[in-house]
Amino acid sequence: MKKYLLVLLSVSFNALAGMPVDVYQKDKNTDGVGWYLAGLGNGFAFSNTKLESLGELPLYCQPKDHAISIAEMVRLLDLKIKDYDSKGVADLSIEPMLLAELRTVYPCK
């Protein structure tokens, strides 16, 4: 229980500035990171809904019948991190990396 609390606290503090890749990679299989990714995914989805309601292009265009799971977000993040791996990404934030990969996988036409 203490381990989960520490992970949640570290995720909460890092959320103000984004979650660095090294923290994500170390803790990606924990509930704390899963909850963080779920919240991040919800934020992207709400942003898409708002943009669409304003008649603007959403951030990315996933099929309406496809929910993006936490496991899929982890897979997409791992792909994006692998693309950058040779450049040293430990201090970069995962949020723009995930969004960039979502835009690549689910482009808007």
PDB file of N, CA and C in Angstrom:
ATOM      1  N   MET A   1       0.829  -1.204   0.000  1.00  0.00           N
ATOM      2  CA  MET A   1       0.000   0.000   0.000  1.00  0.00           C
ATOM      3  C   MET A   1       0.865   1.257   0.000  1.00  0.00           C
ATOM      4  N   LYS A   2       1.945   1.247   0.795  1.00  0.00           N
ATOM      5  CA  LYS A   2       2.816   2.417   0.835  1.00  0.00           C
ATOM      6  C   LYS A   2       3.461   2.670  -0.522  1.00  0.00           C
ATOM      7  N   LYS A   3       3.797   1.575  -1.235  1.00  0.00           N
ATOM      8  CA  LYS A   3       4.405   1.713  -2.553  1.00  0.00           C
ATOM      9  C   LYS A   3       3.456   2.438  -3.508  1.00  0.00           C
ATOM     10  N   TYR A   4       2.164   2.048  -3.501  1.00  0.00           N
ATOM     11  CA  TYR A   4       1.190   2.705  -4.368  1.00  0.00           C
ATOM     12  C   TYR A   4       1.019   4.167  -3.999  1.00  0.00           C
ATOM     13  N   LEU A   5       1.025   4.470  -2.720  1.00  0.00           N
ATOM     14  CA  LEU A   5       0.893   5.853  -2.281  1.00  0.00           C
ATOM     15  C   LEU A   5       2.070   6.681  -2.772  1.00  0.00           C
ATOM     16  N   LEU A   6       3.277   6.138  -2.680  1.00  0.00           N
ATOM     17  CA  LEU A   6       4.455   6.863  -3.162  1.00  0.00           C
ATOM     18  C   LEU A   6       4.384   7.094  -4.666  1.00  0.00           C
ATOM     19  N   VAL A   7       3.939   6.098  -5.408  1.00  0.00           N
ATOM     20  CA  VAL A   7       3.804   6.256  -6.856  1.00  0.00           C
ATOM     21  C   VAL A   7       2.769   7.331  -7.163  1.00  0.00           C
ATOM     22  N   LEU A   8       1.634   7.278  -6.472  1.00  0.00           N
ATOM     23  CA  LEU A   8       0.591   8.283  -6.709  1.00  0.00           C
ATOM     24  C   LEU A   8       1.080   9.684  -6.388  1.00  0.00           C
ATOM     25  N   LEU A   9       1.821   9.819  -5.294  1.00  0.00           N
ATOM     26  CA  LEU A   9       2.347  11.135  -4.940  1.00  0.00           C
ATOM     27  C   LEU A   9       3.347  11.619  -5.975  1.00  0.00           C
ATOM     28  N   SER A  10       4.219  10.732  -6.428  1.00  0.00           N
ATOM     29  CA  SER A  10       5.199  11.159  -7.429  1.00  0.00           C
ATOM     30  C   SER A  10       4.507  11.528  -8.732  1.00  0.00           C
ATOM     31  N   VAL A  11       3.479  10.783  -9.111  1.00  0.00           N
ATOM     32  CA  VAL A  11       2.730  11.108 -10.316  1.00  0.00           C
ATOM     33  C   VAL A  11       2.007  12.433 -10.131  1.00  0.00           C
ATOM     34  N   SER A  12       1.427  12.659  -8.961  1.00  0.00           N
ATOM     35  CA  SER A  12       0.700  13.902  -8.707  1.00  0.00           C
ATOM     36  C   SER A  12       1.617  15.110  -8.800  1.00  0.00           C
ATOM     37  N   PHE A  13       2.799  15.030  -8.198  1.00  0.00           N
ATOM     38  CA  PHE A  13       3.720  16.163  -8.252  1.00  0.00           C
ATOM     39  C   PHE A  13       4.255  16.373  -9.659  1.00  0.00           C
ATOM     40  N   ASN A  14       4.551  15.297 -10.351  1.00  0.00           N
ATOM     41  CA  ASN A  14       5.067  15.415 -11.710  1.00  0.00           C
ATOM     42  C   ASN A  14       3.992  15.878 -12.681  1.00  0.00           C
ATOM     43  N   ALA A  15       2.732  15.675 -12.340  1.00  0.00           N
ATOM     44  CA  ALA A  15       1.654  16.055 -13.246  1.00  0.00           C
ATOM     45  C   ALA A  15       1.639  17.554 -13.500  1.00  0.00           C
ATOM     46  N   LEU A  16       2.153  18.335 -12.557  1.00  0.00           N
ATOM     47  CA  LEU A  16       2.183  19.780 -12.743  1.00  0.00           C
ATOM     48  C   LEU A  16       3.093  20.172 -13.897  1.00  0.00           C
ATOM     49  N   ALA A  17       4.147  19.405 -14.107  1.00  0.00           N
ATOM     50  CA  ALA A  17       5.091  19.713 -15.172  1.00  0.00           C
ATOM     51  C   ALA A  17       5.096  18.638 -16.241  1.00  0.00           C
ATOM     52  N   GLY A  18       4.286  17.645 -16.111  1.00  0.00           N
ATOM     53  CA  GLY A  18       4.289  16.516 -17.026  1.00  0.00           C
ATOM     54  C   GLY A  18       5.068  15.365 -16.410  1.00  0.00           C
ATOM     55  N   MET A  19       4.801  14.177 -16.901  1.00  0.00           N
ATOM     56  CA  MET A  19       5.508  13.003 -16.400  1.00  0.00           C
ATOM     57  C   MET A  19       6.724  12.744 -17.288  1.00  0.00           C
ATOM     58  N   PRO A  20       7.923  12.772 -16.709  1.00  0.00           N
ATOM     59  CA  PRO A  20       9.117  12.487 -17.502  1.00  0.00           C
ATOM     60  C   PRO A  20       9.145  11.028 -17.970  1.00  0.00           C
ATOM     61  N   VAL A  21       9.776  10.805 -19.092  1.00  0.00           N
ATOM     62  CA  VAL A  21       9.877   9.474 -19.671  1.00  0.00           C
ATOM     63  C   VAL A  21      10.495   8.484 -18.686  1.00  0.00           C
ATOM     64  N   ASP A  22      11.529   8.894 -17.962  1.00  0.00           N
ATOM     65  CA  ASP A  22      12.176   7.943 -17.050  1.00  0.00           C
ATOM     66  C   ASP A  22      11.238   7.493 -15.933  1.00  0.00           C
ATOM     67  N   VAL A  23      10.391   8.371 -15.439  1.00  0.00           N
ATOM     68  CA  VAL A  23       9.411   7.989 -14.414  1.00  0.00           C
ATOM     69  C   VAL A  23       8.381   7.045 -15.023  1.00  0.00           C
ATOM     70  N   TYR A  24       7.905   7.380 -16.208  1.00  0.00           N
ATOM     71  CA  TYR A  24       6.944   6.520 -16.902  1.00  0.00           C
ATOM     72  C   TYR A  24       7.521   5.117 -17.099  1.00  0.00           C
ATOM     73  N   GLN A  25       8.746   5.037 -17.615  1.00  0.00           N
ATOM     74  CA  GLN A  25       9.336   3.731 -17.895  1.00  0.00           C
ATOM     75  C   GLN A  25       9.547   2.907 -16.624  1.00  0.00           C
ATOM     76  N   LYS A  26       9.902   3.571 -15.550  1.00  0.00           N
ATOM     77  CA  LYS A  26      10.138   2.866 -14.290  1.00  0.00           C
ATOM     78  C   LYS A  26       8.834   2.353 -13.681  1.00  0.00           C
ATOM     79  N   ASP A  27       7.752   3.114 -13.811  1.00  0.00           N
ATOM     80  CA  ASP A  27       6.509   2.808 -13.097  1.00  0.00           C
ATOM     81  C   ASP A  27       5.317   2.500 -14.006  1.00  0.00           C
ATOM     82  N   LYS A  28       5.543   2.243 -15.296  1.00  0.00           N
ATOM     83  CA  LYS A  28       4.421   2.130 -16.236  1.00  0.00           C
ATOM     84  C   LYS A  28       3.468   0.980 -15.946  1.00  0.00           C
ATOM     85  N   ASN A  29       3.894   0.010 -15.192  1.00  0.00           N
ATOM     86  CA  ASN A  29       3.012  -1.119 -14.869  1.00  0.00           C
ATOM     87  C   ASN A  29       2.316  -0.967 -13.520  1.00  0.00           C
ATOM     88  N   THR A  30       2.322   0.224 -12.968  1.00  0.00           N
ATOM     89  CA  THR A  30       1.672   0.467 -11.682  1.00  0.00           C
ATOM     90  C   THR A  30       0.290   1.082 -11.888  1.00  0.00           C
ATOM     91  N   ASP A  31      -0.530   0.954 -10.861  1.00  0.00           N
ATOM     92  CA  ASP A  31      -1.862   1.563 -10.921  1.00  0.00           C
ATOM     93  C   ASP A  31      -1.780   3.080 -11.048  1.00  0.00           C
ATOM     94  N   GLY A  32      -0.808   3.692 -10.386  1.00  0.00           N
ATOM     95  CA  GLY A  32      -0.697   5.147 -10.424  1.00  0.00           C
ATOM     96  C   GLY A  32      -0.496   5.677 -11.834  1.00  0.00           C
ATOM     97  N   VAL A  33       0.391   5.049 -12.581  1.00  0.00           N
ATOM     98  CA  VAL A  33       0.621   5.481 -13.956  1.00  0.00           C
ATOM     99  C   VAL A  33      -0.598   5.147 -14.817  1.00  0.00           C
ATOM    100  N   GLY A  34      -1.230   4.030 -14.561  1.00  0.00           N
ATOM    101  CA  GLY A  34      -2.451   3.680 -15.292  1.00  0.00           C
ATOM    102  C   GLY A  34      -3.526   4.721 -15.089  1.00  0.00           C
ATOM    103  N   TRP A  35      -3.707   5.160 -13.856  1.00  0.00           N
ATOM    104  CA  TRP A  35      -4.705   6.203 -13.581  1.00  0.00           C
ATOM    105  C   TRP A  35      -4.316   7.509 -14.256  1.00  0.00           C
ATOM    106  N   TYR A  36      -3.038   7.821 -14.226  1.00  0.00           N
ATOM    107  CA  TYR A  36      -2.555   9.049 -14.861  1.00  0.00           C
ATOM    108  C   TYR A  36      -2.859   9.015 -16.362  1.00  0.00           C
ATOM    109  N   LEU A  37      -2.552   7.880 -17.011  1.00  0.00           N
ATOM    110  CA  LEU A  37      -2.826   7.752 -18.444  1.00  0.00           C
ATOM    111  C   LEU A  37      -4.322   7.804 -18.737  1.00  0.00           C
ATOM    112  N   ALA A  38      -5.125   7.213 -17.858  1.00  0.00           N
ATOM    113  CA  ALA A  38      -6.580   7.277 -18.036  1.00  0.00           C
ATOM    114  C   ALA A  38      -7.051   8.730 -17.976  1.00  0.00           C
ATOM    115  N   GLY A  39      -6.544   9.488 -17.043  1.00  0.00           N
ATOM    116  CA  GLY A  39      -6.900  10.906 -16.942  1.00  0.00           C
ATOM    117  C   GLY A  39      -6.419  11.698 -18.138  1.00  0.00           C
ATOM    118  N   LEU A  40      -5.226  11.395 -18.597  1.00  0.00           N
ATOM    119  CA  LEU A  40      -4.677  12.069 -19.770  1.00  0.00           C
ATOM    120  C   LEU A  40      -5.527  11.759 -21.005  1.00  0.00           C
ATOM    121  N   GLY A  41      -5.892  10.498 -21.163  1.00  0.00           N
ATOM    122  CA  GLY A  41      -6.755  10.105 -22.280  1.00  0.00           C
ATOM    123  C   GLY A  41      -8.109  10.791 -22.214  1.00  0.00           C
ATOM    124  N   ASN A  42      -8.680  10.883 -21.015  1.00  0.00           N
ATOM    125  CA  ASN A  42      -9.960  11.582 -20.851  1.00  0.00           C
ATOM    126  C   ASN A  42      -9.826  13.059 -21.203  1.00  0.00           C
ATOM    127  N   GLY A  43      -8.730  13.666 -20.806  1.00  0.00           N
ATOM    128  CA  GLY A  43      -8.500  15.073 -21.137  1.00  0.00           C
ATOM    129  C   GLY A  43      -8.419  15.293 -22.634  1.00  0.00           C
ATOM    130  N   PHE A  44      -7.697  14.387 -23.330  1.00  0.00           N
ATOM    131  CA  PHE A  44      -7.629  14.485 -24.790  1.00  0.00           C
ATOM    132  C   PHE A  44      -9.023  14.309 -25.404  1.00  0.00           C
ATOM    133  N   ALA A  45      -9.782  13.349 -24.893  1.00  0.00           N
ATOM    134  CA  ALA A  45     -11.126  13.088 -25.428  1.00  0.00           C
ATOM    135  C   ALA A  45     -12.052  14.288 -25.208  1.00  0.00           C
ATOM    136  N   PHE A  46     -12.001  14.882 -24.017  1.00  0.00           N
ATOM    137  CA  PHE A  46     -12.827  16.063 -23.757  1.00  0.00           C
ATOM    138  C   PHE A  46     -12.405  17.225 -24.656  1.00  0.00           C
ATOM    139  N   SER A  47     -11.108  17.375 -24.875  1.00  0.00           N
ATOM    140  CA  SER A  47     -10.618  18.423 -25.782  1.00  0.00           C
ATOM    141  C   SER A  47     -11.147  18.196 -27.188  1.00  0.00           C
ATOM    142  N   ASN A  48     -11.119  16.940 -27.642  1.00  0.00           N
ATOM    143  CA  ASN A  48     -11.655  16.625 -28.973  1.00  0.00           C
ATOM    144  C   ASN A  48     -13.132  16.974 -29.079  1.00  0.00           C
ATOM    145  N   THR A  49     -13.887  16.633 -28.046  1.00  0.00           N
ATOM    146  CA  THR A  49     -15.322  16.935 -28.043  1.00  0.00           C
ATOM    147  C   THR A  49     -15.560  18.440 -28.134  1.00  0.00           C
ATOM    148  N   LYS A  50     -14.811  19.199 -27.373  1.00  0.00           N
ATOM    149  CA  LYS A  50     -14.960  20.659 -27.384  1.00  0.00           C
ATOM    150  C   LYS A  50     -14.584  21.231 -28.745  1.00  0.00           C
ATOM    151  N   LEU A  51     -13.458  20.775 -29.300  1.00  0.00           N
ATOM    152  CA  LEU A  51     -13.037  21.259 -30.616  1.00  0.00           C
ATOM    153  C   LEU A  51     -14.085  20.945 -31.676  1.00  0.00           C
ATOM    154  N   GLU A  52     -14.615  19.717 -31.651  1.00  0.00           N
ATOM    155  CA  GLU A  52     -15.642  19.336 -32.619  1.00  0.00           C
ATOM    156  C   GLU A  52     -16.902  20.180 -32.454  1.00  0.00           C
ATOM    157  N   SER A  53     -17.278  20.487 -31.200  1.00  0.00           N
ATOM    158  CA  SER A  53     -18.476  21.303 -30.968  1.00  0.00           C
ATOM    159  C   SER A  53     -18.303  22.726 -31.487  1.00  0.00           C
ATOM    160  N   LEU A  54     -17.059  23.162 -31.609  1.00  0.00           N
ATOM    161  CA  LEU A  54     -16.766  24.496 -32.146  1.00  0.00           C
ATOM    162  C   LEU A  54     -16.553  24.468 -33.656  1.00  0.00           C
ATOM    163  N   GLY A  55     -16.704  23.276 -34.243  1.00  0.00           N
ATOM    164  CA  GLY A  55     -16.510  23.136 -35.679  1.00  0.00           C
ATOM    165  C   GLY A  55     -15.045  23.103 -36.091  1.00  0.00           C
ATOM    166  N   GLU A  56     -14.177  22.822 -35.137  1.00  0.00           N
ATOM    167  CA  GLU A  56     -12.745  22.781 -35.425  1.00  0.00           C
ATOM    168  C   GLU A  56     -12.265  21.338 -35.516  1.00  0.00           C
ATOM    169  N   LEU A  57     -11.103  21.156 -36.092  1.00  0.00           N
ATOM    170  CA  LEU A  57     -10.507  19.838 -36.247  1.00  0.00           C
ATOM    171  C   LEU A  57     -10.050  19.324 -34.879  1.00  0.00           C
ATOM    172  N   PRO A  58     -10.412  18.091 -34.523  1.00  0.00           N
ATOM    173  CA  PRO A  58      -9.961  17.543 -33.241  1.00  0.00           C
ATOM    174  C   PRO A  58      -8.462  17.258 -33.249  1.00  0.00           C
ATOM    175  N   LEU A  59      -7.927  16.951 -32.090  1.00  0.00           N
ATOM    176  CA  LEU A  59      -6.505  16.646 -31.943  1.00  0.00           C
ATOM    177  C   LEU A  59      -6.118  15.404 -32.736  1.00  0.00           C
ATOM    178  N   TYR A  60      -6.976  14.402 -32.727  1.00  0.00           N
ATOM    179  CA  TYR A  60      -6.806  13.161 -33.473  1.00  0.00           C
ATOM    180  C   TYR A  60      -8.188  12.588 -33.705  1.00  0.00           C
ATOM    181  N   CYS A  61      -8.313  11.636 -34.637  1.00  0.00           N
ATOM    182  CA  CYS A  61      -9.638  11.141 -35.024  1.00  0.00           C
ATOM    183  C   CYS A  61      -9.712   9.621 -34.930  1.00  0.00           C
ATOM    184  N   GLN A  62      -9.905   9.122 -33.731  1.00  0.00           N
ATOM    185  CA  GLN A  62     -10.078   7.676 -33.562  1.00  0.00           C
ATOM    186  C   GLN A  62     -11.461   7.279 -34.052  1.00  0.00           C
ATOM    187  N   PRO A  63     -11.606   6.043 -34.508  1.00  0.00           N
ATOM    188  CA  PRO A  63     -12.944   5.588 -34.914  1.00  0.00           C
ATOM    189  C   PRO A  63     -13.932   5.698 -33.747  1.00  0.00           C
ATOM    190  N   LYS A  64     -15.152   6.066 -34.050  1.00  0.00           N
ATOM    191  CA  LYS A  64     -16.162   6.266 -32.999  1.00  0.00           C
ATOM    192  C   LYS A  64     -16.449   4.995 -32.205  1.00  0.00           C
ATOM    193  N   ASP A  65     -16.245   3.833 -32.827  1.00  0.00           N
ATOM    194  CA  ASP A  65     -16.536   2.570 -32.141  1.00  0.00           C
ATOM    195  C   ASP A  65     -15.303   1.971 -31.466  1.00  0.00           C
ATOM    196  N   HIS A  66     -14.250   2.760 -31.311  1.00  0.00           N
ATOM    197  CA  HIS A  66     -13.003   2.259 -30.731  1.00  0.00           C
ATOM    198  C   HIS A  66     -12.608   3.087 -29.511  1.00  0.00           C
ATOM    199  N   ALA A  67     -12.594   2.447 -28.342  1.00  0.00           N
ATOM    200  CA  ALA A  67     -12.115   3.108 -27.129  1.00  0.00           C
ATOM    201  C   ALA A  67     -10.617   2.833 -26.995  1.00  0.00           C
ATOM    202  N   ILE A  68      -9.853   3.847 -26.654  1.00  0.00           N
ATOM    203  CA  ILE A  68      -8.415   3.677 -26.487  1.00  0.00           C
ATOM    204  C   ILE A  68      -8.151   3.250 -25.047  1.00  0.00           C
ATOM    205  N   SER A  69      -7.635   2.062 -24.874  1.00  0.00           N
ATOM    206  CA  SER A  69      -7.386   1.513 -23.542  1.00  0.00           C
ATOM    207  C   SER A  69      -6.051   2.016 -22.989  1.00  0.00           C
ATOM    208  N   ILE A  70      -5.856   1.810 -21.708  1.00  0.00           N
ATOM    209  CA  ILE A  70      -4.576   2.153 -21.085  1.00  0.00           C
ATOM    210  C   ILE A  70      -3.466   1.326 -21.714  1.00  0.00           C
ATOM    211  N   ALA A  71      -3.743   0.048 -21.975  1.00  0.00           N
ATOM    212  CA  ALA A  71      -2.736  -0.814 -22.602  1.00  0.00           C
ATOM    213  C   ALA A  71      -2.325  -0.275 -23.975  1.00  0.00           C
ATOM    214  N   GLU A  72      -3.292   0.248 -24.725  1.00  0.00           N
ATOM    215  CA  GLU A  72      -2.965   0.818 -26.030  1.00  0.00           C
ATOM    216  C   GLU A  72      -2.140   2.093 -25.874  1.00  0.00           C
ATOM    217  N   MET A  73      -2.478   2.920 -24.883  1.00  0.00           N
ATOM    218  CA  MET A  73      -1.689   4.129 -24.644  1.00  0.00           C
ATOM    219  C   MET A  73      -0.248   3.770 -24.291  1.00  0.00           C
ATOM    220  N   VAL A  74      -0.072   2.733 -23.462  1.00  0.00           N
ATOM    221  CA  VAL A  74       1.275   2.281 -23.100  1.00  0.00           C
ATOM    222  C   VAL A  74       2.012   1.816 -24.359  1.00  0.00           C
ATOM    223  N   ARG A  75       1.345   1.042 -25.201  1.00  0.00           N
ATOM    224  CA  ARG A  75       1.961   0.549 -26.437  1.00  0.00           C
ATOM    225  C   ARG A  75       2.366   1.711 -27.340  1.00  0.00           C
ATOM    226  N   LEU A  76       1.479   2.696 -27.490  1.00  0.00           N
ATOM    227  CA  LEU A  76       1.774   3.852 -28.336  1.00  0.00           C
ATOM    228  C   LEU A  76       2.925   4.683 -27.770  1.00  0.00           C
ATOM    229  N   LEU A  77       2.912   4.882 -26.462  1.00  0.00           N
ATOM    230  CA  LEU A  77       4.008   5.623 -25.833  1.00  0.00           C
ATOM    231  C   LEU A  77       5.336   4.900 -26.013  1.00  0.00           C
ATOM    232  N   ASP A  78       5.325   3.600 -25.820  1.00  0.00           N
ATOM    233  CA  ASP A  78       6.555   2.823 -25.981  1.00  0.00           C
ATOM    234  C   ASP A  78       7.091   2.931 -27.410  1.00  0.00           C
ATOM    235  N   LEU A  79       6.184   2.932 -28.399  1.00  0.00           N
ATOM    236  CA  LEU A  79       6.612   3.108 -29.789  1.00  0.00           C
ATOM    237  C   LEU A  79       7.266   4.472 -29.997  1.00  0.00           C
ATOM    238  N   LYS A  80       6.641   5.504 -29.472  1.00  0.00           N
ATOM    239  CA  LYS A  80       7.163   6.865 -29.645  1.00  0.00           C
ATOM    240  C   LYS A  80       8.493   7.024 -28.922  1.00  0.00           C
ATOM    241  N   ILE A  81       8.595   6.499 -27.724  1.00  0.00           N
ATOM    242  CA  ILE A  81       9.846   6.593 -26.970  1.00  0.00           C
ATOM    243  C   ILE A  81      10.955   5.855 -27.712  1.00  0.00           C
ATOM    244  N   LYS A  82      10.628   4.721 -28.298  1.00  0.00           N
ATOM    245  CA  LYS A  82      11.619   3.957 -29.060  1.00  0.00           C
ATOM    246  C   LYS A  82      12.133   4.777 -30.241  1.00  0.00           C
ATOM    247  N   ASP A  83      11.251   5.551 -30.880  1.00  0.00           N
ATOM    248  CA  ASP A  83      11.666   6.426 -31.983  1.00  0.00           C
ATOM    249  C   ASP A  83      12.721   7.439 -31.543  1.00  0.00           C
ATOM    250  N   TYR A  84      12.594   7.929 -30.319  1.00  0.00           N
ATOM    251  CA  TYR A  84      13.483   8.965 -29.800  1.00  0.00           C
ATOM    252  C   TYR A  84      14.633   8.401 -28.965  1.00  0.00           C
ATOM    253  N   ASP A  85      14.623   7.103 -28.696  1.00  0.00           N
ATOM    254  CA  ASP A  85      15.513   6.503 -27.705  1.00  0.00           C
ATOM    255  C   ASP A  85      16.978   6.869 -27.883  1.00  0.00           C
ATOM    256  N   SER A  86      17.457   6.939 -29.098  1.00  0.00           N
ATOM    257  CA  SER A  86      18.872   7.237 -29.313  1.00  0.00           C
ATOM    258  C   SER A  86      19.214   8.685 -28.981  1.00  0.00           C
ATOM    259  N   LYS A  87      18.217   9.516 -28.806  1.00  0.00           N
ATOM    260  CA  LYS A  87      18.449  10.934 -28.545  1.00  0.00           C
ATOM    261  C   LYS A  87      18.408  11.290 -27.064  1.00  0.00           C
ATOM    262  N   GLY A  88      18.157  10.317 -26.194  1.00  0.00           N
ATOM    263  CA  GLY A  88      18.098  10.593 -24.772  1.00  0.00           C
ATOM    264  C   GLY A  88      16.850  11.353 -24.386  1.00  0.00           C
ATOM    265  N   VAL A  89      15.817  10.649 -24.003  1.00  0.00           N
ATOM    266  CA  VAL A  89      14.524  11.269 -23.744  1.00  0.00           C
ATOM    267  C   VAL A  89      14.102  11.239 -22.276  1.00  0.00           C
ATOM    268  N   ALA A  90      14.987  10.850 -21.390  1.00  0.00           N
ATOM    269  CA  ALA A  90      14.613  10.644 -19.991  1.00  0.00           C
ATOM    270  C   ALA A  90      13.894  11.838 -19.374  1.00  0.00           C
ATOM    271  N   ASP A  91      14.281  13.049 -19.731  1.00  0.00           N
ATOM    272  CA  ASP A  91      13.698  14.247 -19.120  1.00  0.00           C
ATOM    273  C   ASP A  91      12.511  14.813 -19.889  1.00  0.00           C
ATOM    274  N   LEU A  92      12.220  14.274 -21.062  1.00  0.00           N
ATOM    275  CA  LEU A  92      11.074  14.761 -21.831  1.00  0.00           C
ATOM    276  C   LEU A  92       9.768  14.289 -21.205  1.00  0.00           C
ATOM    277  N   SER A  93       8.695  15.005 -21.457  1.00  0.00           N
ATOM    278  CA  SER A  93       7.387  14.651 -20.914  1.00  0.00           C
ATOM    279  C   SER A  93       6.654  13.707 -21.862  1.00  0.00           C
ATOM    280  N   ILE A  94       5.902  12.782 -21.276  1.00  0.00           N
ATOM    281  CA  ILE A  94       5.190  11.790 -22.083  1.00  0.00           C
ATOM    282  C   ILE A  94       3.942  12.346 -22.754  1.00  0.00           C
ATOM    283  N   GLU A  95       3.361  13.404 -22.211  1.00  0.00           N
ATOM    284  CA  GLU A  95       2.082  13.909 -22.710  1.00  0.00           C
ATOM    285  C   GLU A  95       2.141  14.307 -24.185  1.00  0.00           C
ATOM    286  N   PRO A  96       3.086  15.156 -24.609  1.00  0.00           N
ATOM    287  CA  PRO A  96       3.132  15.492 -26.035  1.00  0.00           C
ATOM    288  C   PRO A  96       3.546  14.309 -26.903  1.00  0.00           C
ATOM    289  N   MET A  97       4.327  13.391 -26.328  1.00  0.00           N
ATOM    290  CA  MET A  97       4.715  12.201 -27.087  1.00  0.00           C
ATOM    291  C   MET A  97       3.494  11.330 -27.380  1.00  0.00           C
ATOM    292  N   LEU A  98       2.640  11.144 -26.367  1.00  0.00           N
ATOM    293  CA  LEU A  98       1.424  10.353 -26.570  1.00  0.00           C
ATOM    294  C   LEU A  98       0.513  11.031 -27.582  1.00  0.00           C
ATOM    295  N   LEU A  99       0.334  12.318 -27.452  1.00  0.00           N
ATOM    296  CA  LEU A  99      -0.527  13.040 -28.392  1.00  0.00           C
ATOM    297  C   LEU A  99       0.016  12.931 -29.814  1.00  0.00           C
ATOM    298  N   ALA A 100       1.312  13.068 -29.986  1.00  0.00           N
ATOM    299  CA  ALA A 100       1.905  12.952 -31.318  1.00  0.00           C
ATOM    300  C   ALA A 100       1.659  11.571 -31.910  1.00  0.00           C
ATOM    301  N   GLU A 101       1.776  10.541 -31.096  1.00  0.00           N
ATOM    302  CA  GLU A 101       1.556   9.176 -31.602  1.00  0.00           C
ATOM    303  C   GLU A 101       0.083   8.941 -31.894  1.00  0.00           C
ATOM    304  N   LEU A 102      -0.811   9.489 -31.067  1.00  0.00           N
ATOM    305  CA  LEU A 102      -2.249   9.375 -31.347  1.00  0.00           C
ATOM    306  C   LEU A 102      -2.587  10.061 -32.671  1.00  0.00           C
ATOM    307  N   ARG A 103      -1.963  11.192 -32.941  1.00  0.00           N
ATOM    308  CA  ARG A 103      -2.200  11.909 -34.201  1.00  0.00           C
ATOM    309  C   ARG A 103      -1.692  11.113 -35.395  1.00  0.00           C
ATOM    310  N   THR A 104      -0.607  10.355 -35.186  1.00  0.00           N
ATOM    311  CA  THR A 104      -0.044   9.528 -36.250  1.00  0.00           C
ATOM    312  C   THR A 104      -0.931   8.317 -36.531  1.00  0.00           C
ATOM    313  N   VAL A 105      -1.375   7.658 -35.465  1.00  0.00           N
ATOM    314  CA  VAL A 105      -2.177   6.432 -35.591  1.00  0.00           C
ATOM    315  C   VAL A 105      -3.609   6.734 -35.996  1.00  0.00           C
ATOM    316  N   TYR A 106      -4.162   7.842 -35.505  1.00  0.00           N
ATOM    317  CA  TYR A 106      -5.549   8.224 -35.778  1.00  0.00           C
ATOM    318  C   TYR A 106      -5.613   9.608 -36.425  1.00  0.00           C
ATOM    319  N   PRO A 107      -5.103   9.737 -37.653  1.00  0.00           N
ATOM    320  CA  PRO A 107      -5.097  11.059 -38.285  1.00  0.00           C
ATOM    321  C   PRO A 107      -6.508  11.508 -38.670  1.00  0.00           C
ATOM    322  N   CYS A 108      -6.694  12.797 -38.728  1.00  0.00           N
ATOM    323  CA  CYS A 108      -7.958  13.349 -39.194  1.00  0.00           C
ATOM    324  C   CYS A 108      -7.833  13.609 -40.688  1.00  0.00           C
ATOM    325  N   LYS A 109      -8.877  13.293 -41.398  1.00  0.00           N
ATOM    326  CA  LYS A 109      -8.839  13.472 -42.864  1.00  0.00           C
ATOM    327  C   LYS A 109      -9.396  14.813 -43.262  1.00  0.00           C
TER     328      LYS A 109
END
